[in-house]
Amino acid sequence: MNDRDKRKLFNYFISSRKSVPYYFPIDFEHWCESMFHDCDYDGKPLFSHLKTFLLMNEDEIEGFIQFGLTSFIFDKHGEKDYSKQYAVIRNIHFIEHAKNPHLLLDKANEYFDGLKIAKRYAYFHYFGMSCYARQGKLHDTEFHIEHLLFDYGFVKEHENVYYSKPLQDESTSDIPEIDFIFSDNGQHISFMKHDEKIGGCELNFLPQGDICFLKWIFIDEKYSHQGLGTKCMGKLFYVLKSKGILRLDTDTADNNINAQGYYIKTGFSDMGRMRSYCRKVNFFRKLAKNA
């Protein structure tokens, strides 16, 4: 894809997806690096092969698709296995009145069929764009895309709830009884009380500079139901605000009722649902049909 098309796609991406809460403001250079050359947190490429196609109406973009093969998979222990790959539709988007959006999925299916890959994913959470905190799932404001995926045999795999919290001065008071220990360049935090670890969290600081994503947070079970979870979150708000962070986002599984209640209690707002999808192709059935 040439620079002109990349610029047009960037403008389309920004202008057509304002309703998605995790598509934060981003400049072209950071977006372009994340879109086409994204890396994992350890600096390894996310994709070994990545293809992008535009759906055009004269000189206007009506949609696009991006798909390819990842550089690794996760084994049953959650460790990265670089000897295998996932087939992933990373991005697919089209305006609601687009004439032939099915042509986009036809491109992906043709590619994966040629490689004889049976299991395919769409909106795989982990392989989302790093400039958007790796939010790979489809947001509910774009569920018209879900209908096309269903038509092509995809089914819902996972669903998450997305949350956001503006860090305003009135909501970020210090809590002296809770201390922090930072590690891994500030990505990991241990919550301490009287020199004893009571919990921790992991953060993702984004290139936008004033936005941070909370990947996970926990309080040791023996300290639960003592109000310490709320205090640790309050301390986190205070420390991040002092570092210039103006917004903290996070998500959790749709069936994690406890986490959902915790985020609402600590001041986060529910920003909608996100879904990922998968499809398994039966090549034997396809061969029999074509015989």
C-alpha atoms as a PDB file:
ATOM      1  CA  MET A   1       0.000   0.000   0.000  1.00  0.00           C
ATOM      2  CA  ASN A   2       1.443   3.353  -1.040  1.00  0.00           C
ATOM      3  CA  ASP A   3       1.719   6.403   1.215  1.00  0.00           C
ATOM      4  CA  ARG A   4      -1.286   8.103  -0.394  1.00  0.00           C
ATOM      5  CA  ASP A   5      -3.546   5.130   0.297  1.00  0.00           C
ATOM      6  CA  LYS A   6      -2.222   4.834   3.832  1.00  0.00           C
ATOM      7  CA  ARG A   7      -3.082   8.477   4.457  1.00  0.00           C
ATOM      8  CA  LYS A   8      -6.571   7.988   3.017  1.00  0.00           C
ATOM      9  CA  LEU A   9      -7.086   4.901   5.160  1.00  0.00           C
ATOM     10  CA  PHE A  10      -5.921   6.788   8.251  1.00  0.00           C
ATOM     11  CA  ASN A  11      -8.439   9.567   7.569  1.00  0.00           C
ATOM     12  CA  TYR A  12     -11.191   6.988   6.991  1.00  0.00           C
ATOM     13  CA  PHE A  13     -10.265   5.118  10.161  1.00  0.00           C
ATOM     14  CA  ILE A  14     -10.340   8.261  12.310  1.00  0.00           C
ATOM     15  CA  SER A  15     -13.471   9.820  10.839  1.00  0.00           C
ATOM     16  CA  SER A  16     -15.659   6.717  10.631  1.00  0.00           C
ATOM     17  CA  ARG A  17     -14.947   5.172  14.044  1.00  0.00           C
ATOM     18  CA  LYS A  18     -15.427   8.016  16.502  1.00  0.00           C
ATOM     19  CA  SER A  19     -18.082   6.050  18.385  1.00  0.00           C
ATOM     20  CA  VAL A  20     -15.556   3.423  19.536  1.00  0.00           C
ATOM     21  CA  PRO A  21     -14.281   4.451  22.999  1.00  0.00           C
ATOM     22  CA  TYR A  22     -10.835   2.846  22.649  1.00  0.00           C
ATOM     23  CA  TYR A  23      -9.917   4.490  19.340  1.00  0.00           C
ATOM     24  CA  PHE A  24      -8.036   7.268  21.096  1.00  0.00           C
ATOM     25  CA  PRO A  25      -6.677  10.339  19.282  1.00  0.00           C
ATOM     26  CA  ILE A  26      -3.478   9.386  17.493  1.00  0.00           C
ATOM     27  CA  ASP A  27      -1.152  10.947  14.930  1.00  0.00           C
ATOM     28  CA  PHE A  28      -0.506   9.403  11.547  1.00  0.00           C
ATOM     29  CA  GLU A  29       3.019   8.171  12.297  1.00  0.00           C
ATOM     30  CA  HIS A  30       2.057   6.232  15.444  1.00  0.00           C
ATOM     31  CA  TRP A  31      -1.088   4.883  13.786  1.00  0.00           C
ATOM     32  CA  CYS A  32       0.845   3.765  10.708  1.00  0.00           C
ATOM     33  CA  GLU A  33       3.494   1.985  12.775  1.00  0.00           C
ATOM     34  CA  SER A  34       0.828   0.167  14.796  1.00  0.00           C
ATOM     35  CA  MET A  35      -1.350  -0.646  11.789  1.00  0.00           C
ATOM     36  CA  PHE A  36       1.348  -2.164   9.592  1.00  0.00           C
ATOM     37  CA  HIS A  37       4.373  -2.963  11.800  1.00  0.00           C
ATOM     38  CA  ASP A  38       2.989  -3.664  15.248  1.00  0.00           C
ATOM     39  CA  CYS A  39       5.080  -5.431  17.877  1.00  0.00           C
ATOM     40  CA  ASP A  40       4.361  -7.290  21.076  1.00  0.00           C
ATOM     41  CA  TYR A  41       5.284  -5.851  24.479  1.00  0.00           C
ATOM     42  CA  ASP A  42       8.621  -7.663  24.208  1.00  0.00           C
ATOM     43  CA  GLY A  43       9.413  -6.032  20.860  1.00  0.00           C
ATOM     44  CA  LYS A  44       8.627  -9.080  18.688  1.00  0.00           C
ATOM     45  CA  PRO A  45       6.378  -8.591  15.598  1.00  0.00           C
ATOM     46  CA  LEU A  46       2.739  -9.513  16.157  1.00  0.00           C
ATOM     47  CA  PHE A  47       2.251 -10.719  12.577  1.00  0.00           C
ATOM     48  CA  SER A  48       4.533 -12.578  10.198  1.00  0.00           C
ATOM     49  CA  HIS A  49       2.205 -11.859   7.250  1.00  0.00           C
ATOM     50  CA  LEU A  50      -0.308  -9.025   7.126  1.00  0.00           C
ATOM     51  CA  LYS A  51      -2.409  -7.940   4.147  1.00  0.00           C
ATOM     52  CA  THR A  52      -4.633  -4.876   3.811  1.00  0.00           C
ATOM     53  CA  PHE A  53      -7.283  -4.257   1.132  1.00  0.00           C
ATOM     54  CA  LEU A  54      -9.532  -1.263   0.536  1.00  0.00           C
ATOM     55  CA  LEU A  55     -13.159  -1.267  -0.609  1.00  0.00           C
ATOM     56  CA  MET A  56     -13.445   1.712  -2.967  1.00  0.00           C
ATOM     57  CA  ASN A  57     -16.331   3.589  -4.552  1.00  0.00           C
ATOM     58  CA  GLU A  58     -14.675   5.723  -7.201  1.00  0.00           C
ATOM     59  CA  ASP A  59     -12.038   7.565  -5.144  1.00  0.00           C
ATOM     60  CA  GLU A  60     -13.711   7.148  -1.752  1.00  0.00           C
ATOM     61  CA  ILE A  61     -13.029   4.408   0.784  1.00  0.00           C
ATOM     62  CA  GLU A  62     -16.178   2.546   1.866  1.00  0.00           C
ATOM     63  CA  GLY A  63     -14.371  -0.073   3.930  1.00  0.00           C
ATOM     64  CA  PHE A  64     -11.210  -2.077   4.415  1.00  0.00           C
ATOM     65  CA  ILE A  65      -9.967  -5.396   5.714  1.00  0.00           C
ATOM     66  CA  GLN A  66      -6.677  -6.410   7.273  1.00  0.00           C
ATOM     67  CA  PHE A  67      -5.817 -10.055   7.845  1.00  0.00           C
ATOM     68  CA  GLY A  68      -2.836 -12.354   8.120  1.00  0.00           C
ATOM     69  CA  LEU A  69      -0.852 -14.862  10.121  1.00  0.00           C
ATOM     70  CA  THR A  70       0.407 -14.114  13.597  1.00  0.00           C
ATOM     71  CA  SER A  71       4.005 -14.663  14.625  1.00  0.00           C
ATOM     72  CA  PHE A  72       3.030 -17.026  17.438  1.00  0.00           C
ATOM     73  CA  ILE A  73       0.170 -18.682  19.280  1.00  0.00           C
ATOM     74  CA  PHE A  74      -0.481 -19.274  22.972  1.00  0.00           C
ATOM     75  CA  ASP A  75      -0.097 -22.843  24.156  1.00  0.00           C
ATOM     76  CA  LYS A  76      -2.269 -24.469  26.821  1.00  0.00           C
ATOM     77  CA  HIS A  77      -0.059 -22.950  29.524  1.00  0.00           C
ATOM     78  CA  GLY A  78      -0.437 -19.432  28.140  1.00  0.00           C
ATOM     79  CA  GLU A  79       3.140 -19.360  26.853  1.00  0.00           C
ATOM     80  CA  LYS A  80       4.050 -18.152  23.366  1.00  0.00           C
ATOM     81  CA  ASP A  81       4.742 -20.820  20.779  1.00  0.00           C
ATOM     82  CA  TYR A  82       6.621 -19.337  17.806  1.00  0.00           C
ATOM     83  CA  SER A  83       6.376 -22.566  15.807  1.00  0.00           C
ATOM     84  CA  LYS A  84       2.655 -22.070  15.076  1.00  0.00           C
ATOM     85  CA  GLN A  85       0.398 -19.291  13.820  1.00  0.00           C
ATOM     86  CA  TYR A  86      -3.169 -18.045  14.126  1.00  0.00           C
ATOM     87  CA  ALA A  87      -5.148 -16.960  11.060  1.00  0.00           C
ATOM     88  CA  VAL A  88      -6.629 -13.621  12.093  1.00  0.00           C
ATOM     89  CA  ILE A  89      -8.876 -11.006  10.518  1.00  0.00           C
ATOM     90  CA  ARG A  90      -7.438  -8.174  12.538  1.00  0.00           C
ATOM     91  CA  ASN A  91      -9.580  -5.365  11.179  1.00  0.00           C
ATOM     92  CA  ILE A  92     -12.642  -5.266   9.007  1.00  0.00           C
ATOM     93  CA  HIS A  93     -14.805  -2.203   8.715  1.00  0.00           C
ATOM     94  CA  PHE A  94     -17.248  -0.753   6.233  1.00  0.00           C
ATOM     95  CA  ILE A  95     -19.797   2.028   6.257  1.00  0.00           C
ATOM     96  CA  GLU A  96     -23.372   0.826   6.677  1.00  0.00           C
ATOM     97  CA  HIS A  97     -24.428   1.717   3.114  1.00  0.00           C
ATOM     98  CA  ALA A  98     -21.358   0.128   1.465  1.00  0.00           C
ATOM     99  CA  LYS A  99     -22.373  -1.681  -1.734  1.00  0.00           C
ATOM    100  CA  ASN A 100     -20.313  -4.882  -1.601  1.00  0.00           C
ATOM    101  CA  PRO A 101     -18.787  -5.398   1.854  1.00  0.00           C
ATOM    102  CA  HIS A 102     -18.765  -9.170   1.314  1.00  0.00           C
ATOM    103  CA  LEU A 103     -15.863  -8.664  -1.114  1.00  0.00           C
ATOM    104  CA  LEU A 104     -13.684  -7.892   1.889  1.00  0.00           C
ATOM    105  CA  LEU A 105     -14.354 -11.221   3.587  1.00  0.00           C
ATOM    106  CA  ASP A 106     -14.003 -13.003   0.255  1.00  0.00           C
ATOM    107  CA  LYS A 107     -10.407 -11.733   0.118  1.00  0.00           C
ATOM    108  CA  ALA A 108      -9.607 -13.151   3.547  1.00  0.00           C
ATOM    109  CA  ASN A 109     -11.299 -16.486   2.860  1.00  0.00           C
ATOM    110  CA  GLU A 110      -9.484 -16.873  -0.445  1.00  0.00           C
ATOM    111  CA  TYR A 111      -6.160 -16.294   1.296  1.00  0.00           C
ATOM    112  CA  PHE A 112      -6.803 -18.676   4.199  1.00  0.00           C
ATOM    113  CA  ASP A 113      -8.364 -21.310   1.914  1.00  0.00           C
ATOM    114  CA  GLY A 114      -5.205 -21.281  -0.169  1.00  0.00           C
ATOM    115  CA  LEU A 115      -3.161 -22.003   2.945  1.00  0.00           C
ATOM    116  CA  LYS A 116      -5.621 -24.728   4.036  1.00  0.00           C
ATOM    117  CA  ILE A 117      -6.146 -23.070   7.409  1.00  0.00           C
ATOM    118  CA  ALA A 118      -9.358 -24.347   8.952  1.00  0.00           C
ATOM    119  CA  LYS A 119      -9.727 -22.217  12.085  1.00  0.00           C
ATOM    120  CA  ARG A 120      -9.952 -18.466  11.578  1.00  0.00           C
ATOM    121  CA  TYR A 121     -10.396 -15.664  14.081  1.00  0.00           C
ATOM    122  CA  ALA A 122     -11.891 -12.212  13.683  1.00  0.00           C
ATOM    123  CA  TYR A 123     -11.166  -9.387  16.119  1.00  0.00           C
ATOM    124  CA  PHE A 124      -8.720 -11.462  18.157  1.00  0.00           C
ATOM    125  CA  HIS A 125      -8.332  -9.400  21.333  1.00  0.00           C
ATOM    126  CA  TYR A 126      -4.591  -9.826  21.895  1.00  0.00           C
ATOM    127  CA  PHE A 127      -3.665  -8.892  18.338  1.00  0.00           C
ATOM    128  CA  GLY A 128      -5.362  -5.503  18.294  1.00  0.00           C
ATOM    129  CA  MET A 129      -3.421  -2.321  17.587  1.00  0.00           C
ATOM    130  CA  SER A 130      -0.956  -1.218  20.251  1.00  0.00           C
ATOM    131  CA  CYS A 131      -1.825   2.482  19.879  1.00  0.00           C
ATOM    132  CA  TYR A 132      -5.332   1.530  21.035  1.00  0.00           C
ATOM    133  CA  ALA A 133      -4.122  -0.540  24.028  1.00  0.00           C
ATOM    134  CA  ARG A 134      -4.378  -3.683  21.885  1.00  0.00           C
ATOM    135  CA  GLN A 135      -8.164  -3.614  21.974  1.00  0.00           C
ATOM    136  CA  GLY A 136      -8.761  -6.155  19.261  1.00  0.00           C
ATOM    137  CA  LYS A 137     -12.467  -6.813  19.759  1.00  0.00           C
ATOM    138  CA  LEU A 138     -15.410  -5.345  17.835  1.00  0.00           C
ATOM    139  CA  HIS A 139     -17.307  -2.643  19.751  1.00  0.00           C
ATOM    140  CA  ASP A 140     -21.097  -2.748  19.917  1.00  0.00           C
ATOM    141  CA  THR A 141     -21.431   0.510  17.970  1.00  0.00           C
ATOM    142  CA  GLU A 142     -20.147  -1.441  14.953  1.00  0.00           C
ATOM    143  CA  PHE A 143     -22.270  -4.577  15.225  1.00  0.00           C
ATOM    144  CA  HIS A 144     -23.493  -4.141  11.636  1.00  0.00           C
ATOM    145  CA  ILE A 145     -20.145  -5.778  10.843  1.00  0.00           C
ATOM    146  CA  GLU A 146     -21.048  -8.686  13.092  1.00  0.00           C
ATOM    147  CA  HIS A 147     -24.006  -9.514  10.835  1.00  0.00           C
ATOM    148  CA  LEU A 148     -21.677 -10.046   7.883  1.00  0.00           C
ATOM    149  CA  LEU A 149     -19.366 -12.225   9.975  1.00  0.00           C
ATOM    150  CA  PHE A 150     -22.346 -14.354  11.014  1.00  0.00           C
ATOM    151  CA  ASP A 151     -23.368 -14.707   7.354  1.00  0.00           C
ATOM    152  CA  TYR A 152     -19.934 -16.178   6.666  1.00  0.00           C
ATOM    153  CA  GLY A 153     -20.146 -18.734   9.463  1.00  0.00           C
ATOM    154  CA  PHE A 154     -18.346 -16.902  12.253  1.00  0.00           C
ATOM    155  CA  VAL A 155     -19.687 -17.284  15.779  1.00  0.00           C
ATOM    156  CA  LYS A 156     -19.145 -15.172  18.874  1.00  0.00           C
ATOM    157  CA  GLU A 157     -16.178 -16.428  20.876  1.00  0.00           C
ATOM    158  CA  HIS A 158     -15.701 -13.961  23.765  1.00  0.00           C
ATOM    159  CA  GLU A 159     -17.395 -10.829  25.062  1.00  0.00           C
ATOM    160  CA  ASN A 160     -15.959  -8.105  27.287  1.00  0.00           C
ATOM    161  CA  VAL A 161     -17.248  -4.952  28.938  1.00  0.00           C
ATOM    162  CA  TYR A 162     -15.186  -1.801  28.377  1.00  0.00           C
ATOM    163  CA  TYR A 163     -14.711   0.829  31.101  1.00  0.00           C
ATOM    164  CA  SER A 164     -13.225   4.317  31.214  1.00  0.00           C
ATOM    165  CA  LYS A 165     -12.377   6.705  34.049  1.00  0.00           C
ATOM    166  CA  PRO A 166     -11.361  10.376  33.633  1.00  0.00           C
ATOM    167  CA  LEU A 167      -8.759  11.267  36.245  1.00  0.00           C
ATOM    168  CA  GLN A 168     -10.024  14.557  37.588  1.00  0.00           C
ATOM    169  CA  ASP A 169      -8.500  16.353  40.575  1.00  0.00           C
ATOM    170  CA  GLU A 170     -11.529  15.720  42.790  1.00  0.00           C
ATOM    171  CA  SER A 171     -11.275  11.971  42.231  1.00  0.00           C
ATOM    172  CA  THR A 172      -7.526  11.538  42.774  1.00  0.00           C
ATOM    173  CA  SER A 173      -6.793  12.238  46.449  1.00  0.00           C
ATOM    174  CA  ASP A 174      -3.740  10.606  47.988  1.00  0.00           C
ATOM    175  CA  ILE A 175      -4.209   7.570  50.253  1.00  0.00           C
ATOM    176  CA  PRO A 176      -1.090   7.533  52.467  1.00  0.00           C
ATOM    177  CA  GLU A 177      -1.689   4.082  53.974  1.00  0.00           C
ATOM    178  CA  ILE A 178      -1.154   2.432  50.544  1.00  0.00           C
ATOM    179  CA  ASP A 179       2.336   2.457  49.014  1.00  0.00           C
ATOM    180  CA  PHE A 180       3.491   1.565  45.497  1.00  0.00           C
ATOM    181  CA  ILE A 181       6.480  -0.341  44.190  1.00  0.00           C
ATOM    182  CA  PHE A 182       7.059   0.049  40.443  1.00  0.00           C
ATOM    183  CA  SER A 183       8.841  -2.535  38.304  1.00  0.00           C
ATOM    184  CA  ASP A 184       9.333  -3.354  34.591  1.00  0.00           C
ATOM    185  CA  ASN A 185       9.644   0.329  33.594  1.00  0.00           C
ATOM    186  CA  GLY A 186       6.546   1.200  35.566  1.00  0.00           C
ATOM    187  CA  GLN A 187       4.327  -1.359  33.865  1.00  0.00           C
ATOM    188  CA  HIS A 188       3.886  -3.509  36.987  1.00  0.00           C
ATOM    189  CA  ILE A 189       2.887  -2.143  40.377  1.00  0.00           C
ATOM    190  CA  SER A 190       2.794  -3.820  43.754  1.00  0.00           C
ATOM    191  CA  PHE A 191       0.369  -2.420  46.334  1.00  0.00           C
ATOM    192  CA  MET A 192       1.940  -2.328  49.795  1.00  0.00           C
ATOM    193  CA  LYS A 193       0.553  -1.747  53.284  1.00  0.00           C
ATOM    194  CA  HIS A 194       2.921  -1.712  56.268  1.00  0.00           C
ATOM    195  CA  ASP A 195       5.669  -3.205  54.040  1.00  0.00           C
ATOM    196  CA  GLU A 196       3.472  -6.160  53.087  1.00  0.00           C
ATOM    197  CA  LYS A 197       2.264  -6.773  49.551  1.00  0.00           C
ATOM    198  CA  ILE A 198      -1.520  -6.819  49.408  1.00  0.00           C
ATOM    199  CA  GLY A 199      -2.048  -6.801  45.629  1.00  0.00           C
ATOM    200  CA  GLY A 200      -0.842  -5.501  42.302  1.00  0.00           C
ATOM    201  CA  CYS A 201      -1.677  -4.403  38.777  1.00  0.00           C
ATOM    202  CA  GLU A 202      -0.233  -4.116  35.278  1.00  0.00           C
ATOM    203  CA  LEU A 203      -0.457  -0.977  33.174  1.00  0.00           C
ATOM    204  CA  ASN A 204      -0.042  -0.133  29.515  1.00  0.00           C
ATOM    205  CA  PHE A 205       1.101   3.455  28.906  1.00  0.00           C
ATOM    206  CA  LEU A 206       0.006   4.521  25.425  1.00  0.00           C
ATOM    207  CA  PRO A 207       1.834   6.715  22.885  1.00  0.00           C
ATOM    208  CA  GLN A 208      -0.849   9.384  23.293  1.00  0.00           C
ATOM    209  CA  GLY A 209       0.920  10.246  26.551  1.00  0.00           C
ATOM    210  CA  ASP A 210      -2.087  11.099  28.711  1.00  0.00           C
ATOM    211  CA  ILE A 211      -4.001   7.805  28.428  1.00  0.00           C
ATOM    212  CA  CYS A 212      -3.243   4.605  30.308  1.00  0.00           C
ATOM    213  CA  PHE A 213      -4.803   1.154  30.123  1.00  0.00           C
ATOM    214  CA  LEU A 214      -5.204  -1.085  33.165  1.00  0.00           C
ATOM    215  CA  LYS A 215      -4.555  -4.651  31.986  1.00  0.00           C
ATOM    216  CA  TRP A 216      -5.387  -6.310  35.303  1.00  0.00           C
ATOM    217  CA  ILE A 217      -5.598  -5.597  39.007  1.00  0.00           C
ATOM    218  CA  PHE A 218      -5.844  -7.920  42.003  1.00  0.00           C
ATOM    219  CA  ILE A 219      -6.039  -7.842  45.799  1.00  0.00           C
ATOM    220  CA  ASP A 220      -4.794 -10.813  47.782  1.00  0.00           C
ATOM    221  CA  GLU A 221      -7.742 -12.906  48.880  1.00  0.00           C
ATOM    222  CA  LYS A 222      -6.878 -12.607  52.578  1.00  0.00           C
ATOM    223  CA  TYR A 223      -7.292  -8.823  52.290  1.00  0.00           C
ATOM    224  CA  SER A 224     -10.608  -8.912  50.461  1.00  0.00           C
ATOM    225  CA  HIS A 225     -13.789  -7.355  51.861  1.00  0.00           C
ATOM    226  CA  GLN A 226     -11.790  -4.823  53.871  1.00  0.00           C
ATOM    227  CA  GLY A 227     -12.139  -1.872  51.504  1.00  0.00           C
ATOM    228  CA  LEU A 228      -8.512  -2.188  50.420  1.00  0.00           C
ATOM    229  CA  GLY A 229      -9.399  -2.813  46.781  1.00  0.00           C
ATOM    230  CA  THR A 230     -11.112   0.560  46.594  1.00  0.00           C
ATOM    231  CA  LYS A 231      -8.200   2.251  48.366  1.00  0.00           C
ATOM    232  CA  CYS A 232      -5.639   0.672  46.024  1.00  0.00           C
ATOM    233  CA  MET A 233      -7.580   1.873  43.005  1.00  0.00           C
ATOM    234  CA  GLY A 234      -7.831   5.336  44.528  1.00  0.00           C
ATOM    235  CA  LYS A 235      -4.087   5.388  45.083  1.00  0.00           C
ATOM    236  CA  LEU A 236      -3.579   4.309  41.475  1.00  0.00           C
ATOM    237  CA  PHE A 237      -5.740   7.225  40.287  1.00  0.00           C
ATOM    238  CA  TYR A 238      -3.666   9.636  42.354  1.00  0.00           C
ATOM    239  CA  VAL A 239      -0.266   8.355  41.184  1.00  0.00           C
ATOM    240  CA  LEU A 240      -1.274   8.279  37.505  1.00  0.00           C
ATOM    241  CA  LYS A 241      -2.752  11.793  37.674  1.00  0.00           C
ATOM    242  CA  SER A 242       0.516  13.040  39.198  1.00  0.00           C
ATOM    243  CA  LYS A 243       2.302  11.543  36.172  1.00  0.00           C
ATOM    244  CA  GLY A 244       0.103  13.474  33.732  1.00  0.00           C
ATOM    245  CA  ILE A 245      -2.368  10.683  32.931  1.00  0.00           C
ATOM    246  CA  LEU A 246      -5.849  12.089  32.348  1.00  0.00           C
ATOM    247  CA  ARG A 247      -7.737   8.910  31.521  1.00  0.00           C
ATOM    248  CA  LEU A 248      -7.581   5.301  32.693  1.00  0.00           C
ATOM    249  CA  ASP A 249      -9.379   2.561  30.737  1.00  0.00           C
ATOM    250  CA  THR A 250      -9.842  -1.159  31.317  1.00  0.00           C
ATOM    251  CA  ASP A 251     -12.081  -4.090  30.417  1.00  0.00           C
ATOM    252  CA  THR A 252     -13.299  -7.356  31.875  1.00  0.00           C
ATOM    253  CA  ALA A 253     -15.156 -10.477  30.787  1.00  0.00           C
ATOM    254  CA  ASP A 254     -18.920 -10.156  30.474  1.00  0.00           C
ATOM    255  CA  ASN A 255     -19.422 -12.915  33.070  1.00  0.00           C
ATOM    256  CA  ASN A 256     -17.059 -11.372  35.641  1.00  0.00           C
ATOM    257  CA  ILE A 257     -19.769  -9.726  37.711  1.00  0.00           C
ATOM    258  CA  ASN A 258     -17.478  -9.014  40.661  1.00  0.00           C
ATOM    259  CA  ALA A 259     -14.993  -7.067  38.542  1.00  0.00           C
ATOM    260  CA  GLN A 260     -17.793  -5.144  36.854  1.00  0.00           C
ATOM    261  CA  GLY A 261     -19.177  -4.089  40.237  1.00  0.00           C
ATOM    262  CA  TYR A 262     -15.686  -3.121  41.405  1.00  0.00           C
ATOM    263  CA  TYR A 263     -15.054  -0.859  38.421  1.00  0.00           C
ATOM    264  CA  ILE A 264     -18.409   0.875  38.730  1.00  0.00           C
ATOM    265  CA  LYS A 265     -17.873   1.328  42.485  1.00  0.00           C
ATOM    266  CA  THR A 266     -14.487   2.969  41.905  1.00  0.00           C
ATOM    267  CA  GLY A 267     -15.868   5.461  39.396  1.00  0.00           C
ATOM    268  CA  PHE A 268     -15.449   3.863  35.979  1.00  0.00           C
ATOM    269  CA  SER A 269     -18.163   4.247  33.333  1.00  0.00           C
ATOM    270  CA  ASP A 270     -19.499   1.340  31.273  1.00  0.00           C
ATOM    271  CA  MET A 271     -18.568   2.164  27.666  1.00  0.00           C
ATOM    272  CA  GLY A 272     -20.197  -0.820  25.961  1.00  0.00           C
ATOM    273  CA  ARG A 273     -19.580  -4.390  24.880  1.00  0.00           C
ATOM    274  CA  MET A 274     -16.813  -5.851  22.722  1.00  0.00           C
ATOM    275  CA  ARG A 275     -16.781  -9.220  20.960  1.00  0.00           C
ATOM    276  CA  SER A 276     -14.361 -11.553  19.223  1.00  0.00           C
ATOM    277  CA  TYR A 277     -15.304 -14.275  16.721  1.00  0.00           C
ATOM    278  CA  CYS A 278     -14.068 -17.531  15.257  1.00  0.00           C
ATOM    279  CA  ARG A 279     -14.929 -19.869  12.404  1.00  0.00           C
ATOM    280  CA  LYS A 280     -13.835 -23.391  11.552  1.00  0.00           C
ATOM    281  CA  VAL A 281     -13.910 -24.411   7.897  1.00  0.00           C
ATOM    282  CA  ASN A 282     -14.663 -28.030   6.992  1.00  0.00           C
ATOM    283  CA  PHE A 283     -12.420 -28.658   3.987  1.00  0.00           C
ATOM    284  CA  PHE A 284     -13.740 -32.202   3.524  1.00  0.00           C
ATOM    285  CA  ARG A 285     -17.257 -30.857   3.090  1.00  0.00           C
ATOM    286  CA  LYS A 286     -15.992 -28.251   0.619  1.00  0.00           C
ATOM    287  CA  LEU A 287     -14.187 -30.910  -1.397  1.00  0.00           C
ATOM    288  CA  ALA A 288     -17.288 -33.133  -1.462  1.00  0.00           C
ATOM    289  CA  LYS A 289     -19.447 -30.203  -2.556  1.00  0.00           C
ATOM    290  CA  ASN A 290     -17.075 -29.383  -5.413  1.00  0.00           C
ATOM    291  CA  ALA A 291     -16.671 -33.011  -6.536  1.00  0.00           C
END
